[in-house]
Structure formats: structure tokens, C-alpha cells
Amino acid sequence: MLYDKLKNNKRLPFHMPGHKRNIKLLGNKFPYDIDITEIDGFDNLHSPDSIIKEIEDKAKEKYECDNSFILVNGSTVGILAGILATVKQGNTVLIARNCHKSVYNGIELAGAKAEYILPELDEYGILKAVAPDELDEKIRLFNPKLVVITSPTYEGVNSDIEKLCEITHKYNIPLMLDAAHGAHYVGYAKYADITVMSLHKTMPALTQCALAHVNGHLVNPEEYRIKLSMLETSSPSYILMSSVEECLELNLDYWTFINKRDKLLKECKKLRHLELIDYDISKLVVFCGYSNINGVKLAEKLRNEYNIEVEMAAKNYVVLILTACDDFKNYKLLRKALFQIDDNLKSEEYISDKLPQLPQKSTKKIENKKLLNFDAASGNVCAEYIWAYPPGIPIIVPGEIISKEIISYINDSLKSGVNIQSTYSELPRKICCQS
């Protein structure tokens, strides 16, 4: 195994990294003793033919796909590479509007243009799965060269990937799946032409560890690796690659995990004001829309009073990540915290946190930019991205017209404490527009 090879490496390190693995001098707080560069016998991520290739072969077998690639720059680099490997300047990419900002960035890098599918909202204000009929309709309307969707979503909503692939393949169009939050689904990657998964999100790998899987004949795997080599660091961390291998070889006890999780959900059905939503085994959505607390305040209360840090806070809910690596004692603490908080809440009318419809596109090319007062920017063409982070889904993108509804939605989100970010970091005072 790569980890064992790293631990047993006794060569005198007259090479990068500069710490020279000197833990006697530097201490063992960080794994200096196994941190190396591409030296003889340790393979090369960008053209693997030995120990790194063996790890990618393990991933290919585990996830039942044709080709697998280790990613050490997170899912983001896998998404960027997938776009650059499949589309050319001027092509159209059809994407679900709730795609991560990296998808938008990839389209911009490729000089392509985006058209959108906007999934419907459920009763909790959470975007549903991508509808197969709508996908078929949009493909016929826009003639894209690539389709990109997110599944599972940040809240754990899964689309029918097999059905969506049938539709895209009918038109000879590849489908790229942003499954950053779906690495726990080992059979998920065998359907889409490109599937990108973050091992560090729902699996026990170090941060930045991810995998990309390429299937079929619509995407050239060698072209995909070439684009990865352009985008990914030329000095990949062997510690991260070793973490990928360890993650692939772990046999986690999902039976116990699911039983403990189901028990938690069953017991929490007795909550009077809070409600647990179950979309995916890795996600626990705590909905607070019918109470006098919002998601941001609920997250703060869990953090400050119970030492529980959630994954994400929206206006009307919080998202927690659950995995087979959980210490199940913490489920009891979570249950206790939710019931104690619930006992002190009052019922209130639910007001849906509903995104405006897709903004109108401008026909003008953005050439010059200016900063305007945000509250007075209605009618102007936006020249930056604005998104809630997490999960990093744009509310408005460059080239779209700012409406009063969008200004109101963003201001309401900011007032609720939701973390809204923008390209130029001037919100809520200013917004960058076409001059």
C-alpha cells in the first residue's frame, strides 16, 4: 500500500518538500515524515503506471465504472476538467440551476454558454430532483453539448440518474454528474459519462480527496486526464493520495450506522416544532420553518449551547452530515439538544424561502463594469456571481438582469443571517454591474 511505502521510505531527502521529513526538528504535529515529491518508485499522478494506477484501478472496481481518476484538488477540479474535455468555445451546456459555482466557472473557462433547468421546490422550500421530461424538452430546445446536474444535492435529494442518462444518450450527449455528496453510493458512478465525487464529504478521506469516473464512448478518458493535468497541481500530495487508498479499502459498518440513524429519526418524530427530513442516509435536514426560530439561529444555538456544529444553515432549516464513521454516542446528544430546543419554541406561520424565477438574460456582452448601490441596482445587468455559501449555488450570474425580487430575496437572506457572498465582496453595499 502507498501508506506503507511512504512510512518505509528511508532515503535521504535531497528533494522537495523543504521540511525534509525532519520530525525530530519539527515535531510530529504534521506528517512530515511521509510527505514526499515524485521520486523514483512512487509513480506520477498525471501519468500513473504503478502504485497510483493500482489505486485508480481499485476505485474503478469499487465504483463499477470504466475509468477512475484520483483528484487532490477536490471535486472542483474534476468538474472543471469534465467541462473543458467535452465542450468548445460557443457551445451550450445545459445545467441544473442548483449546480455548484465550479460548474459556472468551468463554462466560463471554456468560453461556452449556460442554459438552465430549474427544479421545482418541495413543501420545505428545497429543490426537487431534475424531472426527466423537462430534461428531454430542454435538450431539444437548446441542443447542448453537455448536460450537468447535481445529485445528491446538498440536502440529499437524488435524481433518477439512470433515466436521465437514457435521455441524454438518446441524443448522443454526455451527462456529467456532480455527486460530490454521493461518494457513499458505490453503484452511482456506472451510469453517467462523468461522475465526480468528494471522498472527504461523506467518506473518511482527508480534505481535498476526490474521485472522477469516466464511462462509455462519449467522453475520451485520455482527454479528460489531459485536462486534469492542466488544472491540477503538478506537485500532488502523496499523503492525500494515500488517504484515497485507505478510504477505498475500509469496510465500514453501514448496517449499524443505518440502524442508529433510523432510530434517531424515529425518536425525533415526537418533536413538536422541528421536523427531520430524510432524503439521503448521509444527510439529516432539520426543518424549523413552522417555529419562531430560523435556520441560522438554530445552528447558533446548537453550536453555542450544545457544542454541535452543523454542515449548513439556510433560512428555514439546517443540514447535518451523518456517516458510518460517526461516534453514535453523539446521536444521543443531538437528540437531547433537539428536544430541549424544541420545548422552548413556539409555532409560527411558515413562509417559504422561495427563490425568484430564473432571471432574465441580457443580450449585451459585458465589456465594462461599475459598482452600483445594491438596493438601487434593479434593471441593471449583473457582472458578478452572488451565491449563498454553503452550498455555493449562484442566485444570479453575470449577464442576468437584476430584479427587485432578487434584491429583496438577497436582502431577506442577509437579514436572516444566511452567508451571502459575491465575486467582488462588496455586498450588501455594492454590486458589480455592466456599465
Protein backbone atom coordinates (compact mmCIF):
# COMPACT_ATOMS: atom_id res chain seq x y z
CA MET A 1 0.00 0.00 0.00
CA LEU A 2 1.09 3.56 -0.67
CA TYR A 3 0.94 4.47 3.04
CA ASP A 4 3.26 1.59 3.97
CA LYS A 5 5.63 2.54 1.17
CA LEU A 6 5.70 6.12 2.45
CA LYS A 7 6.34 5.02 6.04
CA ASN A 8 9.15 2.66 4.98
CA ASN A 9 10.89 5.20 2.75
CA LYS A 10 14.33 5.77 4.34
CA ARG A 11 16.00 7.67 1.51
CA LEU A 12 17.87 10.84 2.40
CA PRO A 13 15.51 13.59 1.20
CA PHE A 14 17.58 15.82 -1.07
CA HIS A 15 14.36 16.88 -2.78
CA MET A 16 11.12 18.72 -2.07
CA PRO A 17 9.31 19.30 0.28
CA GLY A 18 11.55 21.68 2.22
CA HIS A 19 10.71 20.21 5.62
CA LYS A 20 12.81 17.14 4.63
CA ARG A 21 10.61 14.87 6.78
CA ASN A 22 12.59 16.00 9.85
CA ILE A 23 10.14 15.26 12.63
CA LYS A 24 12.95 15.39 15.22
CA LEU A 25 13.33 19.06 14.43
CA LEU A 26 9.74 19.92 13.54
CA GLY A 27 7.78 17.53 15.74
CA ASN A 28 5.04 15.11 14.64
CA LYS A 29 2.11 17.51 14.67
CA PHE A 30 2.09 17.23 10.86
CA PRO A 31 3.05 14.08 8.85
CA TYR A 32 6.37 15.47 7.63
CA ASP A 33 7.93 12.02 7.76
CA ILE A 34 5.89 10.65 4.85
CA ASP A 35 5.48 13.81 2.74
CA ILE A 36 7.45 13.41 -0.50
CA THR A 37 7.53 14.56 -4.11
CA GLU A 38 7.53 12.44 -7.30
CA ILE A 39 10.68 10.43 -6.68
CA ASP A 40 11.61 7.16 -8.37
CA GLY A 41 9.39 4.25 -7.41
CA PHE A 42 6.41 6.34 -6.27
CA ASP A 43 4.67 6.83 -9.65
CA ASN A 44 3.19 10.06 -11.03
CA LEU A 45 -0.44 11.11 -10.70
CA HIS A 46 -0.53 12.67 -14.18
CA SER A 47 0.69 9.53 -15.96
CA PRO A 48 0.34 6.68 -13.48
CA ASP A 49 1.65 3.23 -14.32
CA SER A 50 2.34 1.56 -10.95
CA ILE A 51 1.23 2.22 -7.38
CA ILE A 52 -1.03 5.19 -8.18
CA LYS A 53 -2.56 3.33 -11.11
CA GLU A 54 -3.30 0.47 -8.72
CA ILE A 55 -5.28 2.87 -6.51
CA GLU A 56 -7.25 4.16 -9.50
CA ASP A 57 -7.93 0.55 -10.52
CA LYS A 58 -9.27 -0.13 -7.01
CA ALA A 59 -11.58 2.87 -7.37
CA LYS A 60 -12.72 1.68 -10.81
CA GLU A 61 -13.59 -1.73 -9.41
CA LYS A 62 -15.29 -0.43 -6.28
CA TYR A 63 -17.46 2.08 -8.15
CA GLU A 64 -18.19 -0.26 -11.10
CA CYS A 65 -17.02 2.11 -13.83
CA ASP A 66 -14.69 2.12 -16.83
CA ASN A 67 -12.09 4.65 -15.66
CA SER A 68 -11.33 6.35 -12.34
CA PHE A 69 -9.07 9.28 -11.58
CA ILE A 70 -7.69 10.43 -8.23
CA LEU A 71 -8.35 14.11 -7.55
CA VAL A 72 -6.32 16.01 -4.96
CA ASN A 73 -7.83 19.43 -5.70
CA GLY A 74 -11.31 18.36 -4.62
CA SER A 75 -14.36 17.77 -6.81
CA THR A 76 -13.93 21.26 -8.25
CA VAL A 77 -11.01 20.26 -10.46
CA GLY A 78 -12.88 17.18 -11.68
CA ILE A 79 -15.84 19.31 -12.71
CA LEU A 80 -13.66 21.89 -14.47
CA ALA A 81 -11.81 19.15 -16.35
CA GLY A 82 -15.06 17.49 -17.37
CA ILE A 83 -16.36 20.68 -18.97
CA LEU A 84 -13.10 21.50 -20.74
CA ALA A 85 -12.83 17.93 -22.06
CA THR A 86 -16.29 17.93 -23.63
CA VAL A 87 -17.22 21.41 -24.86
CA LYS A 88 -15.68 24.07 -27.09
CA GLN A 89 -16.00 27.82 -27.23
CA GLY A 90 -19.53 28.87 -28.12
CA ASN A 91 -21.11 25.50 -27.21
CA THR A 92 -24.13 25.31 -24.95
CA VAL A 93 -24.02 23.45 -21.64
CA LEU A 94 -27.39 22.56 -20.10
CA ILE A 95 -27.15 22.59 -16.31
CA ALA A 96 -29.46 22.34 -13.34
CA ARG A 97 -29.66 25.82 -11.84
CA ASN A 98 -28.67 24.44 -8.43
CA CYS A 99 -25.23 23.37 -9.68
CA HIS A 100 -22.18 24.40 -7.67
CA LYS A 101 -20.34 27.57 -8.68
CA SER A 102 -17.48 25.44 -10.08
CA VAL A 103 -19.79 24.36 -12.92
CA TYR A 104 -20.40 28.01 -13.84
CA ASN A 105 -16.68 28.72 -13.60
CA GLY A 106 -15.91 25.80 -15.91
CA ILE A 107 -18.39 27.02 -18.50
CA GLU A 108 -16.80 30.46 -18.34
CA LEU A 109 -13.29 28.99 -18.74
CA ALA A 110 -14.43 27.00 -21.78
CA GLY A 111 -15.99 30.07 -23.41
CA ALA A 112 -19.28 28.19 -23.53
CA LYS A 113 -22.73 29.40 -22.54
CA ALA A 114 -25.17 28.00 -20.00
CA GLU A 115 -28.85 27.21 -20.27
CA TYR A 116 -30.79 26.05 -17.25
CA ILE A 117 -33.18 23.54 -15.79
CA LEU A 118 -34.80 24.91 -12.65
CA PRO A 119 -36.13 22.03 -10.49
CA GLU A 120 -39.38 22.60 -8.64
CA LEU A 121 -39.48 23.35 -4.92
CA ASP A 122 -40.93 20.92 -2.41
CA GLU A 123 -43.07 21.94 0.54
CA TYR A 124 -39.97 22.79 2.57
CA GLY A 125 -38.52 25.16 0.00
CA ILE A 126 -35.91 22.59 -1.09
CA LEU A 127 -35.27 21.99 -4.78
CA LYS A 128 -36.53 18.64 -6.00
CA ALA A 129 -34.93 16.19 -8.41
CA VAL A 130 -34.40 17.04 -12.08
CA ALA A 131 -37.50 15.92 -13.98
CA PRO A 132 -36.72 13.60 -16.94
CA ASP A 133 -39.46 15.12 -19.11
CA GLU A 134 -38.11 18.62 -18.61
CA LEU A 135 -34.58 17.46 -19.40
CA ASP A 136 -35.78 15.96 -22.68
CA GLU A 137 -37.64 19.16 -23.54
CA LYS A 138 -34.65 21.41 -22.75
CA ILE A 139 -32.25 19.26 -24.78
CA ARG A 140 -34.50 19.60 -27.83
CA LEU A 141 -34.78 23.34 -27.22
CA PHE A 142 -31.11 24.20 -26.65
CA ASN A 143 -29.12 21.41 -28.38
CA PRO A 144 -26.38 21.30 -25.70
CA LYS A 145 -23.04 19.53 -26.00
CA LEU A 146 -23.05 18.57 -22.31
CA VAL A 147 -25.60 18.20 -19.51
CA VAL A 148 -24.58 18.75 -15.87
CA ILE A 149 -26.72 18.02 -12.83
CA THR A 150 -26.11 17.76 -9.10
CA SER A 151 -27.23 14.57 -7.39
CA PRO A 152 -27.41 14.09 -4.50
CA THR A 153 -27.88 17.77 -3.72
CA TYR A 154 -26.59 19.48 -0.61
CA GLU A 155 -29.80 18.47 1.16
CA GLY A 156 -29.55 14.90 -0.16
CA VAL A 157 -32.14 14.99 -2.96
CA ASN A 158 -31.38 12.33 -5.60
CA SER A 159 -32.43 12.43 -9.25
CA ASP A 160 -33.15 9.34 -11.33
CA ILE A 161 -29.65 9.16 -12.83
CA GLU A 162 -30.32 6.04 -14.88
CA LYS A 163 -33.35 7.62 -16.53
CA LEU A 164 -31.59 10.93 -17.14
CA CYS A 165 -28.69 9.10 -18.78
CA GLU A 166 -31.09 7.26 -21.07
CA ILE A 167 -32.39 10.64 -22.25
CA THR A 168 -29.01 12.31 -22.81
CA HIS A 169 -27.62 9.22 -24.56
CA LYS A 170 -30.63 9.16 -26.86
CA TYR A 171 -29.32 12.47 -28.19
CA ASN A 172 -25.66 11.32 -28.06
CA ILE A 173 -24.91 13.91 -25.36
CA PRO A 174 -22.74 13.14 -22.31
CA LEU A 175 -24.09 13.70 -18.82
CA MET A 176 -21.75 14.87 -16.08
CA LEU A 177 -22.90 14.18 -12.56
CA ASP A 178 -21.73 16.37 -9.70
CA ALA A 179 -22.02 13.74 -6.98
CA ALA A 180 -19.69 15.50 -4.59
CA HIS A 181 -22.01 14.46 -1.75
CA GLY A 182 -22.60 10.95 -3.11
CA ALA A 183 -19.34 9.05 -2.64
CA HIS A 184 -21.14 6.65 -0.28
CA TYR A 185 -23.14 5.35 -3.28
CA VAL A 186 -20.76 2.81 -4.78
CA GLY A 187 -23.03 1.94 -7.72
CA TYR A 188 -23.80 5.56 -8.57
CA ALA A 189 -20.91 6.13 -10.96
CA LYS A 190 -21.74 3.43 -13.52
CA TYR A 191 -24.47 5.40 -15.29
CA ALA A 192 -23.23 8.91 -16.09
CA ASP A 193 -20.45 9.62 -18.58
CA ILE A 194 -18.55 11.62 -15.95
CA THR A 195 -19.21 11.36 -12.22
CA VAL A 196 -17.29 13.48 -9.72
CA MET A 197 -17.32 12.50 -6.03
CA SER A 198 -15.76 14.11 -2.97
CA LEU A 199 -14.46 11.31 -0.76
CA HIS A 200 -13.88 13.79 2.06
CA LYS A 201 -17.54 14.82 2.34
CA THR A 202 -19.35 11.60 3.27
CA MET A 203 -16.43 9.15 3.37
CA PRO A 204 -13.35 9.03 5.64
CA ALA A 205 -10.73 10.69 3.43
CA LEU A 206 -8.69 13.81 4.02
CA THR A 207 -9.99 17.16 2.79
CA GLN A 208 -9.41 17.72 -0.97
CA CYS A 209 -9.57 13.97 -1.72
CA ALA A 210 -11.98 13.13 -4.51
CA LEU A 211 -12.54 10.80 -7.45
CA ALA A 212 -13.71 11.25 -11.02
CA HIS A 213 -15.17 8.38 -13.04
CA VAL A 214 -15.49 8.29 -16.83
CA ASN A 215 -17.68 5.77 -18.66
CA GLY A 216 -18.69 4.90 -22.20
CA HIS A 217 -17.59 6.36 -25.53
CA LEU A 218 -18.95 9.92 -25.39
CA VAL A 219 -16.04 11.19 -23.29
CA ASN A 220 -12.44 10.35 -24.11
CA PRO A 221 -10.76 9.33 -20.82
CA GLU A 222 -7.32 10.36 -22.09
CA GLU A 223 -8.61 13.80 -22.99
CA TYR A 224 -10.11 14.02 -19.52
CA ARG A 225 -6.74 13.16 -17.92
CA ILE A 226 -5.01 15.76 -20.12
CA LYS A 227 -7.40 18.45 -18.88
CA LEU A 228 -6.86 17.29 -15.30
CA SER A 229 -3.11 17.66 -15.79
CA MET A 230 -3.64 21.23 -16.99
CA LEU A 231 -5.76 22.19 -13.99
CA GLU A 232 -4.49 20.08 -11.10
CA THR A 233 -1.33 20.80 -9.15
CA SER A 234 1.86 19.43 -10.66
CA SER A 235 3.02 18.60 -7.12
CA PRO A 236 0.21 16.39 -5.80
CA SER A 237 0.27 15.34 -2.17
CA TYR A 238 1.17 11.69 -1.65
CA ILE A 239 -0.45 11.92 1.77
CA LEU A 240 -3.76 12.80 0.11
CA MET A 241 -3.39 10.02 -2.45
CA SER A 242 -2.64 7.58 0.35
CA SER A 243 -5.80 8.77 2.09
CA VAL A 244 -7.80 7.95 -1.05
CA GLU A 245 -6.44 4.41 -1.00
CA GLU A 246 -7.19 3.96 2.70
CA CYS A 247 -10.73 5.18 2.13
CA LEU A 248 -11.29 2.72 -0.72
CA GLU A 249 -10.14 -0.22 1.37
CA LEU A 250 -12.14 0.49 4.52
CA ASN A 251 -15.06 -1.82 5.22
CA LEU A 252 -17.46 0.43 7.10
CA ASP A 253 -20.33 -0.94 9.15
CA TYR A 254 -23.27 0.59 7.29
CA TRP A 255 -25.73 -1.82 8.89
CA THR A 256 -25.11 -0.41 12.37
CA PHE A 257 -24.97 3.14 11.03
CA ILE A 258 -28.34 2.91 9.29
CA ASN A 259 -29.97 1.28 12.32
CA LYS A 260 -28.68 4.00 14.64
CA ARG A 261 -29.70 6.70 12.21
CA ASP A 262 -33.19 5.25 11.73
CA LYS A 263 -33.61 5.06 15.49
CA LEU A 264 -32.72 8.74 15.79
CA LEU A 265 -35.24 9.69 13.11
CA LYS A 266 -37.97 7.59 14.70
CA GLU A 267 -37.45 9.12 18.13
CA CYS A 268 -37.39 12.66 16.70
CA LYS A 269 -40.84 12.23 15.16
CA LYS A 270 -42.12 13.31 18.59
CA LEU A 271 -40.69 16.81 18.11
CA ARG A 272 -43.49 19.37 18.12
CA HIS A 273 -41.96 22.28 16.20
CA LEU A 274 -38.86 20.94 14.48
CA GLU A 275 -39.12 18.31 11.77
CA LEU A 276 -36.47 15.91 10.46
CA ILE A 277 -36.43 15.43 6.68
CA ASP A 278 -34.91 12.24 5.31
CA TYR A 279 -33.69 12.50 1.72
CA ASP A 280 -30.40 10.61 1.95
CA ILE A 281 -28.66 8.43 4.53
CA SER A 282 -25.77 10.89 4.72
CA LYS A 283 -27.92 13.95 5.39
CA LEU A 284 -30.19 15.00 8.20
CA VAL A 285 -32.23 18.10 7.41
CA VAL A 286 -33.78 19.75 10.46
CA PHE A 287 -36.65 21.95 9.29
CA CYS A 288 -37.66 24.84 11.55
CA GLY A 289 -39.99 26.78 9.24
CA TYR A 290 -43.07 26.23 11.42
CA SER A 291 -41.40 27.69 14.52
CA ASN A 292 -40.17 31.03 15.83
CA ILE A 293 -36.51 30.24 15.09
CA ASN A 294 -34.75 30.33 11.72
CA GLY A 295 -32.06 28.00 10.47
CA VAL A 296 -29.16 30.35 11.23
CA LYS A 297 -30.33 30.88 14.82
CA LEU A 298 -30.90 27.16 15.24
CA ALA A 299 -27.35 26.49 14.07
CA GLU A 300 -26.03 29.11 16.51
CA LYS A 301 -27.97 27.58 19.39
CA LEU A 302 -26.70 24.09 18.59
CA ARG A 303 -23.15 25.43 18.40
CA ASN A 304 -23.14 27.72 21.43
CA GLU A 305 -25.27 25.73 23.84
CA TYR A 306 -24.66 22.13 22.82
CA ASN A 307 -21.28 22.20 21.05
CA ILE A 308 -22.87 20.79 17.87
CA GLU A 309 -21.64 22.23 14.56
CA VAL A 310 -23.96 21.72 11.58
CA GLU A 311 -22.89 21.48 7.96
CA MET A 312 -25.06 24.30 6.64
CA ALA A 313 -27.70 26.74 7.80
CA ALA A 314 -30.40 28.05 5.45
CA LYS A 315 -33.27 30.34 6.32
CA ASN A 316 -35.70 27.56 7.27
CA TYR A 317 -33.51 24.55 8.00
CA VAL A 318 -30.09 23.23 8.89
CA VAL A 319 -28.23 20.33 7.28
CA LEU A 320 -26.17 17.82 9.25
CA ILE A 321 -23.91 15.19 7.68
CA LEU A 322 -24.11 11.67 9.11
CA THR A 323 -21.68 8.91 8.16
CA ALA A 324 -20.73 5.38 9.16
CA CYS A 325 -17.73 6.89 10.98
CA ASP A 326 -19.93 8.72 13.50
CA ASP A 327 -19.50 8.16 17.21
CA PHE A 328 -23.07 7.06 17.83
CA LYS A 329 -22.97 8.48 21.35
CA ASN A 330 -23.27 11.84 19.62
CA TYR A 331 -26.70 10.87 18.27
CA LYS A 332 -27.99 10.83 21.83
CA LEU A 333 -26.53 14.28 22.44
CA LEU A 334 -28.08 15.56 19.22
CA ARG A 335 -31.47 14.11 20.10
CA LYS A 336 -31.31 15.68 23.56
CA ALA A 337 -30.36 19.04 22.10
CA LEU A 338 -33.17 19.00 19.53
CA PHE A 339 -35.81 18.12 22.12
CA GLN A 340 -34.61 20.76 24.57
CA ILE A 341 -34.62 23.41 21.86
CA ASP A 342 -37.99 22.21 20.59
CA ASP A 343 -39.52 22.53 24.07
CA ASN A 344 -38.75 26.25 24.09
CA LEU A 345 -40.05 27.06 20.64
CA LYS A 346 -43.41 28.45 19.59
CA SER A 347 -45.41 27.73 16.47
CA GLU A 348 -45.40 30.31 13.68
CA GLU A 349 -46.76 30.50 10.16
CA TYR A 350 -44.35 29.06 7.61
CA ILE A 351 -43.09 31.50 4.99
CA SER A 352 -41.32 29.65 2.18
CA ASP A 353 -37.78 30.75 1.36
CA LYS A 354 -38.61 30.74 -2.34
CA LEU A 355 -36.02 31.72 -4.90
CA PRO A 356 -37.23 34.03 -7.67
CA GLN A 357 -37.71 32.51 -11.09
CA LEU A 358 -34.72 32.42 -13.43
CA PRO A 359 -33.52 35.97 -14.02
CA GLN A 360 -33.92 37.45 -17.47
CA LYS A 361 -30.78 37.29 -19.62
CA SER A 362 -29.27 40.36 -21.23
CA THR A 363 -28.40 40.23 -24.92
CA LYS A 364 -25.44 42.59 -24.43
CA LYS A 365 -21.89 41.41 -23.88
CA ILE A 366 -20.30 42.60 -20.64
CA GLU A 367 -17.31 44.74 -21.56
CA ASN A 368 -17.08 47.45 -18.92
CA LYS A 369 -18.07 47.20 -15.27
CA LYS A 370 -19.08 49.54 -12.47
CA LEU A 371 -20.11 49.25 -8.83
CA LEU A 372 -23.64 50.40 -8.05
CA ASN A 373 -25.61 50.78 -4.86
CA PHE A 374 -27.16 47.35 -4.39
CA ASP A 375 -30.64 48.48 -3.37
CA ALA A 376 -30.86 50.75 -6.43
CA ALA A 377 -29.47 48.25 -8.96
CA SER A 378 -32.77 46.89 -10.27
CA GLY A 379 -32.85 46.80 -14.06
CA ASN A 380 -29.08 46.68 -14.43
CA VAL A 381 -27.10 43.75 -15.85
CA CYS A 382 -25.21 41.86 -13.16
CA ALA A 383 -21.45 41.46 -13.80
CA GLU A 384 -20.59 39.14 -10.91
CA TYR A 385 -21.71 35.96 -9.19
CA ILE A 386 -23.76 36.12 -5.99
CA TRP A 387 -24.27 32.93 -4.04
CA ALA A 388 -25.13 31.53 -0.63
CA TYR A 389 -22.18 29.65 0.85
CA PRO A 390 -22.50 26.89 1.65
CA PRO A 391 -23.60 25.34 -0.68
CA GLY A 392 -22.18 27.69 -3.32
CA ILE A 393 -25.20 27.82 -5.66
CA PRO A 394 -25.44 31.13 -7.57
CA ILE A 395 -28.52 33.28 -7.04
CA ILE A 396 -27.62 35.46 -10.02
CA VAL A 397 -24.78 35.19 -12.54
CA PRO A 398 -23.04 37.63 -14.89
CA GLY A 399 -25.20 38.64 -17.83
CA GLU A 400 -28.52 38.37 -15.96
CA ILE A 401 -30.74 41.34 -15.19
CA ILE A 402 -31.11 42.29 -11.54
CA SER A 403 -34.74 42.44 -10.49
CA LYS A 404 -36.45 43.92 -7.44
CA GLU A 405 -37.37 40.36 -6.44
CA ILE A 406 -33.72 39.26 -6.45
CA ILE A 407 -32.68 42.30 -4.41
CA SER A 408 -35.46 41.56 -1.93
CA TYR A 409 -34.52 37.86 -1.73
CA ILE A 410 -30.84 38.61 -1.11
CA ASN A 411 -31.61 41.29 1.49
CA ASP A 412 -34.02 38.95 3.25
CA SER A 413 -31.39 36.19 3.27
CA LEU A 414 -28.78 38.59 4.69
CA LYS A 415 -31.24 39.77 7.34
CA SER A 416 -31.84 36.13 8.33
CA GLY A 417 -28.10 35.65 8.79
CA VAL A 418 -27.52 33.49 5.69
CA ASN A 419 -23.93 33.77 4.43
CA ILE A 420 -24.25 35.53 1.06
CA GLN A 421 -21.03 36.04 -0.91
CA SER A 422 -20.19 37.83 -4.14
CA THR A 423 -17.29 37.88 -6.57
CA TYR A 424 -16.18 41.38 -5.56
CA SER A 425 -17.18 41.03 -1.87
CA GLU A 426 -18.99 44.37 -1.80
CA LEU A 427 -22.44 43.11 -0.79
CA PRO A 428 -24.73 44.30 0.71
CA ARG A 429 -23.44 47.80 -0.05
CA LYS A 430 -22.49 47.49 -3.71
CA ILE A 431 -22.97 45.16 -6.68
CA CYS A 432 -20.86 44.97 -9.82
CA CYS A 433 -22.86 45.71 -12.98
CA GLN A 434 -22.33 46.31 -16.66
CA SER A 435 -21.60 49.98 -17.22
